[in-house]
Amino acid sequence: MESGDAAHEAAVAAIAARVREFYERRAPFQVYHGGTHSTRGQHKTRGDTVDTSGLRRVLGIDGPRQVALVEPNVTMGALVAAAAERDLVPVVVPGFPGITVGGAFSGTSLESSSCRHGPFDAAVARVELVLADGSVRAADQDHASPDLFWAAASAFGTLAVVTLLEVRLRPARPFVRLAHTPAASFADANRLLRDAVLEPAIDFVDAIAFAPDSIVVCTGIIVDALPRDASQDGFGGDGAAAAPGKKKEKNNKVQPRRYLGRWDPWFYLDVRERVARPGRAVVDFVPLVDYLFRWERGAFWIGRHVFSYFWAPFNRLTRAALDSCLRPRLMYPALHASRLADAYVIQDAAVPWYVGGTEADADGADEELFRWAGAELGIYPMWLCPIRVYRNGPDAAHGLHAAFADPSRAMFRLNIGIRGPPRPRPSPESPSSSSSSSSAVRNVAQADRALERKLLTLRGQKLLYARVHYSEAEFWSVYDRPTYDADRVRYHADHLPSVYDKVRTRDGDAGEAKDEKTSWMPRALRKARPFQGLYGVYKAWRGSDYVLKPEKPASPKRF
């Protein structure tokens, strides 16, 4: 896989040399690529790390082949912008512009087009990898080492270091015709979701559940232009008048619905106010980039809890005033630095989902998980997103998700995104419950663990960007250890930490910050509201690296 770029080749050679140093000692290493959108605690030092953070360029867009050649730390925002210059767009775009291409491939990332194209790794055509012995290899889905390609996908850097990716693109259009259809039950919403997935003209499918009896199914089609007036195309609700507040010019020309500007509405709030509460279908026309990154402002709805934490009013004026603080590029570092990320359940859980056939073909895992999460965790909204997981290419039964190549299994999964503070659970020490930081963290750990136990009964899987409390035996009962281990032996990576070693939550990963000796804020204040949050904002504003920790200075040698 030739990049044709001298700077890239030199950078890869340096990375390969660094990896060989570790391999000669059979020493484990971790990959550092800069920031992260993971909610797991991460602590690395320069001494045990291979640094790929400099690989952040788009090397080319091939219009005729409809692919982009990009280094792994190119963000989705940069990739979308580069592809747009050729009137193209990636076939799967994870919803935050700061997510990196390499992170989405090596982890697991999905969006509303995943019902068509699968997770982001399935939207990658080829990769360049530095194997754990320092050799450089190319792999693709079809011809060149497809076993290696799928072994590296979702391996979280435990099999090889990704240094270059060829990402599939499709023709772009200026707008998304976005239809919002309310449903009064999960069963009704599920039927709408299945019908949408079976309709090939629909490009995007997902839903927002505001309550058990208030779910809005969102289906999108890329279109070339706005309709001439609001009476066309069912604008405002399948022929009904436009929803209240809909902007129209004097000639009744449709105005696009925007979500990325400081004064624009947050997407989920807009859907709730205009669709879920009135209970009426609405059709909008959204600029393509606004749709792709519609979750950016407020990070789905986690930003809503920032206002509650700081006892601040939550309205259009305060959202606009604090806009830059309420996007993942600042909010995630602040949550990590303050350790407030540990006070919220942030999980994506996927269960088998059956499309086509009869109702009897479904096993009910999707509805059972939805009802359980609402009743036990009490967290709304929830995000519902169908994913096509089946791999039908050659030699695709490799890696952590080797079972996705099994045609006897469900071809789809329904992902349920759960984000927010769980319902308080009485503490054994204090049955009346406490509002302290440590109590909130303990409550979240219990909720995370309860979710894992439920998924074990439903043949479900979590996206591993989030905290993992599984025992090792439980973890490998969910993911394909024999194939994963065999792939690591074949490609000289069995001395590296496993995926379980990397993602599991350890004592000390949650709760108290680990930089007590260097912090200017007293420990008592760092654990108290609102100072804990202010500390995180300060660290994020300073640009503090919450992933790569400085090495502890070596003690002077004594003679």
Foldseek 3Di string as FASTA:
>chain_A
DDLPDPVLVVLLLVLLVVLQVCLVVLHAAAEDQFDDPFLFFFEAAPVRYRYPNVQADFSDADLVQQKTKGWFQHFQLNQQVVQVVSQKHFLFGAQARRDTLNNCFQFWGGFQQQLPQFTQLSQWAKWWWQFSNSDIDIDGCFPGPNQLSLQRGNQNCLGTHTTMTIGGIDGAAFKKWKKKAWAQAPVRLLVVQLVLSPDVQWRGWKWKAQDRGTIIIIIIGGDHDFDQACQPPCALAHRDDNFPPQDADPVRGHDAQAADALQHDQVVVVCCVGDRVVPTMHIGIHTPVRVSNSCFFQNVPVVVVVCVLQVHDDDSVVSSVCRVCRGCLQVVLLCLQLLVSLLKDWWKKKFFDAHDDDPVVDPCLVVVLVVCCCVFFVFDTKMKHKHQQADCHPNNLAHFVSVSPPPVGRRMIIIITGIGGGDQQQDPVGRVFDPFPVSSSVRNVVVQVVSLVSCLVRLMDIRLSYEDADDPVSVCVNTPPVRSCVSSVVRVSNSYDGPCSRRYHDVPRHDQDDPQVPDPDHRVQSRDPPSSSVSSSVCSVVVPRSNHDYDDDDDDDDD
